[in-house]
C-alpha atoms as a PDB file:
ATOM      1  CA  MET A   1      -5.250 -14.103  17.227  1.00  0.00           C
ATOM      2  CA  ASN A   2      -2.414 -14.230  14.719  1.00  0.00           C
ATOM      3  CA  ARG A   3       1.143 -14.091  15.940  1.00  0.00           C
ATOM      4  CA  ILE A   4       3.827 -11.883  14.463  1.00  0.00           C
ATOM      5  CA  ALA A   5       7.464 -12.362  15.452  1.00  0.00           C
ATOM      6  CA  ASP A   6      10.723 -10.682  14.632  1.00  0.00           C
ATOM      7  CA  ASP A   7      14.183 -11.409  16.017  1.00  0.00           C
ATOM      8  CA  THR A   8      13.496 -10.040  19.489  1.00  0.00           C
ATOM      9  CA  ASP A   9       9.810  -9.438  20.142  1.00  0.00           C
ATOM     10  CA  ARG A  10       6.623 -11.404  19.619  1.00  0.00           C
ATOM     11  CA  PHE A  11       3.244  -9.803  19.065  1.00  0.00           C
ATOM     12  CA  GLU A  12      -0.317 -10.991  18.890  1.00  0.00           C
ATOM     13  CA  GLU A  13      -2.943  -9.367  16.706  1.00  0.00           C
ATOM     14  CA  GLU A  14      -6.252  -8.410  18.263  1.00  0.00           C
ATOM     15  CA  ARG A  15      -9.044  -7.549  15.867  1.00  0.00           C
ATOM     16  CA  VAL A  16     -10.248  -3.962  16.128  1.00  0.00           C
ATOM     17  CA  GLY A  17     -13.014  -2.154  14.278  1.00  0.00           C
ATOM     18  CA  ASP A  18     -12.964  -1.478  10.562  1.00  0.00           C
ATOM     19  CA  CYS A  19     -12.090   2.242  10.825  1.00  0.00           C
ATOM     20  CA  VAL A  20      -9.403   4.431  12.349  1.00  0.00           C
ATOM     21  CA  PRO A  21      -9.314   8.254  12.566  1.00  0.00           C
ATOM     22  CA  ILE A  22      -7.068   9.609   9.802  1.00  0.00           C
ATOM     23  CA  GLY A  23      -5.789  12.378  12.081  1.00  0.00           C
ATOM     24  CA  GLY A  24      -4.720   9.761  14.645  1.00  0.00           C
ATOM     25  CA  ILE A  25      -2.077   8.227  12.347  1.00  0.00           C
ATOM     26  CA  ALA A  26       1.398   9.526  13.213  1.00  0.00           C
ATOM     27  CA  ALA A  27       3.537   7.283  10.978  1.00  0.00           C
ATOM     28  CA  VAL A  28       3.417   4.260   8.692  1.00  0.00           C
ATOM     29  CA  GLN A  29       5.938   1.506   8.021  1.00  0.00           C
ATOM     30  CA  PRO A  30       5.816  -1.478   5.630  1.00  0.00           C
ATOM     31  CA  ALA A  31       5.916  -4.844   7.395  1.00  0.00           C
ATOM     32  CA  ASN A  32       6.217  -8.450   6.339  1.00  0.00           C
ATOM     33  CA  ASN A  33       3.234 -10.475   5.142  1.00  0.00           C
ATOM     34  CA  ASN A  34       1.920  -7.607   2.989  1.00  0.00           C
ATOM     35  CA  ARG A  35       0.967  -5.414   5.936  1.00  0.00           C
ATOM     36  CA  LEU A  36       1.443  -1.828   6.948  1.00  0.00           C
ATOM     37  CA  LEU A  37       2.165  -0.836  10.521  1.00  0.00           C
ATOM     38  CA  LEU A  38       0.222   2.269  11.549  1.00  0.00           C
ATOM     39  CA  PHE A  39       1.768   4.101  14.480  1.00  0.00           C
ATOM     40  CA  MET A  40      -1.006   6.013  16.176  1.00  0.00           C
ATOM     41  CA  ARG A  41      -0.721   9.266  18.121  1.00  0.00           C
ATOM     42  CA  ASP A  42      -2.176   7.491  21.187  1.00  0.00           C
ATOM     43  CA  ARG A  43       0.814   5.074  21.072  1.00  0.00           C
ATOM     44  CA  ARG A  44      -1.097   2.099  19.726  1.00  0.00           C
ATOM     45  CA  VAL A  45       0.407   0.146  16.837  1.00  0.00           C
ATOM     46  CA  LEU A  46      -2.076  -1.182  14.299  1.00  0.00           C
ATOM     47  CA  SER A  47      -1.522  -3.635  11.491  1.00  0.00           C
ATOM     48  CA  ALA A  48      -3.370  -3.011   8.218  1.00  0.00           C
ATOM     49  CA  ALA A  49      -3.508  -6.084   5.938  1.00  0.00           C
ATOM     50  CA  LEU A  50      -3.378  -5.104   2.250  1.00  0.00           C
ATOM     51  CA  GLU A  51      -5.188  -6.804  -0.612  1.00  0.00           C
ATOM     52  CA  ARG A  52      -3.300  -9.834  -1.964  1.00  0.00           C
ATOM     53  CA  SER A  53      -2.253  -8.094  -5.166  1.00  0.00           C
ATOM     54  CA  CYS A  54      -0.577  -5.242  -3.250  1.00  0.00           C
ATOM     55  CA  ASN A  55       2.983  -4.904  -2.005  1.00  0.00           C
ATOM     56  CA  SER A  56       3.564  -3.201   1.341  1.00  0.00           C
ATOM     57  CA  GLU A  57       7.030  -2.042   0.190  1.00  0.00           C
ATOM     58  CA  ASP A  58       5.294   0.378  -2.214  1.00  0.00           C
ATOM     59  CA  TYR A  59       4.239   2.357   0.876  1.00  0.00           C
ATOM     60  CA  TYR A  60       7.724   2.981   2.305  1.00  0.00           C
ATOM     61  CA  LEU A  61       7.324   6.720   1.613  1.00  0.00           C
ATOM     62  CA  GLY A  62       3.842   6.843   3.161  1.00  0.00           C
ATOM     63  CA  PHE A  63       0.469   7.220   1.495  1.00  0.00           C
ATOM     64  CA  TYR A  64      -2.333   9.579   0.629  1.00  0.00           C
ATOM     65  CA  VAL A  65      -6.003   8.904   1.182  1.00  0.00           C
ATOM     66  CA  GLU A  66      -8.986  10.802  -0.140  1.00  0.00           C
ATOM     67  CA  ARG A  67     -10.733  12.188   2.897  1.00  0.00           C
ATOM     68  CA  SER A  68     -14.268  11.059   3.379  1.00  0.00           C
ATOM     69  CA  GLY A  69     -16.771  13.204   5.222  1.00  0.00           C
ATOM     70  CA  ASP A  70     -16.367  11.232   8.458  1.00  0.00           C
ATOM     71  CA  GLY A  71     -12.555  11.637   8.840  1.00  0.00           C
ATOM     72  CA  GLN A  72     -12.085   7.887   9.138  1.00  0.00           C
ATOM     73  CA  LEU A  73      -9.877   5.468   7.209  1.00  0.00           C
ATOM     74  CA  CYS A  74     -11.925   2.293   6.783  1.00  0.00           C
ATOM     75  CA  SER A  75     -11.010  -1.163   5.532  1.00  0.00           C
ATOM     76  CA  ARG A  76     -12.629  -2.349   2.299  1.00  0.00           C
ATOM     77  CA  ARG A  77     -13.891   1.222   1.715  1.00  0.00           C
ATOM     78  CA  ASP A  78     -10.957   3.604   1.308  1.00  0.00           C
ATOM     79  CA  LYS A  79      -8.128   3.286  -1.174  1.00  0.00           C
ATOM     80  CA  LEU A  80      -4.537   4.087  -0.160  1.00  0.00           C
ATOM     81  CA  GLN A  81      -2.416   5.886  -2.765  1.00  0.00           C
ATOM     82  CA  SER A  82       1.294   5.342  -2.156  1.00  0.00           C
ATOM     83  CA  ARG A  83       3.697   8.190  -2.809  1.00  0.00           C
ATOM     84  CA  ALA A  84       5.449   5.770  -5.189  1.00  0.00           C
ATOM     85  CA  GLY A  85       2.290   5.465  -7.333  1.00  0.00           C
ATOM     86  CA  ALA A  86       0.614   2.244  -6.145  1.00  0.00           C
ATOM     87  CA  SER A  87      -3.065   2.117  -5.216  1.00  0.00           C
ATOM     88  CA  CYS A  88      -4.581  -0.429  -2.850  1.00  0.00           C
ATOM     89  CA  ARG A  89      -7.268  -1.099  -0.260  1.00  0.00           C
ATOM     90  CA  PHE A  90      -6.593  -2.735   3.071  1.00  0.00           C
ATOM     91  CA  THR A  91      -8.773  -5.599   4.149  1.00  0.00           C
ATOM     92  CA  LYS A  92      -8.455  -5.724   7.933  1.00  0.00           C
ATOM     93  CA  LEU A  93      -7.189  -3.759  10.925  1.00  0.00           C
ATOM     94  CA  SER A  94      -5.599  -5.367  13.966  1.00  0.00           C
ATOM     95  CA  ARG A  95      -3.949  -4.012  17.088  1.00  0.00           C
ATOM     96  CA  LEU A  96      -0.486  -5.385  17.904  1.00  0.00           C
ATOM     97  CA  VAL A  97      -0.056  -6.409  21.528  1.00  0.00           C
ATOM     98  CA  ALA A  98       3.152  -7.774  23.057  1.00  0.00           C
ATOM     99  CA  GLU A  99       2.841 -11.510  23.600  1.00  0.00           C
ATOM    100  CA  ARG A 100       3.085 -12.647  27.194  1.00  0.00           C
ATOM    101  CA  ASP A 101       5.076 -15.751  28.112  1.00  0.00           C
END
């Protein structure tokens, strides 16, 4: 598991599957290390790692995705189009879990 820390909280990343339901995403926020935080309607927080050539700050206004027939957003398959004009794939999905002391 990778560890992510900010000034107050520490999180561990747990690998999840390669896909997430598009309709389950409530909000998105750019994070450090070229990642997007996906806030899910079921209260989970997922981390989506972007390709190396991409900048997570380009997604501060959110993103569009072309819907596939299965209603899923999948790593290495679907391309994210930022509202600012960037286009990128994400390479991995992880669930953020509060680190225990």
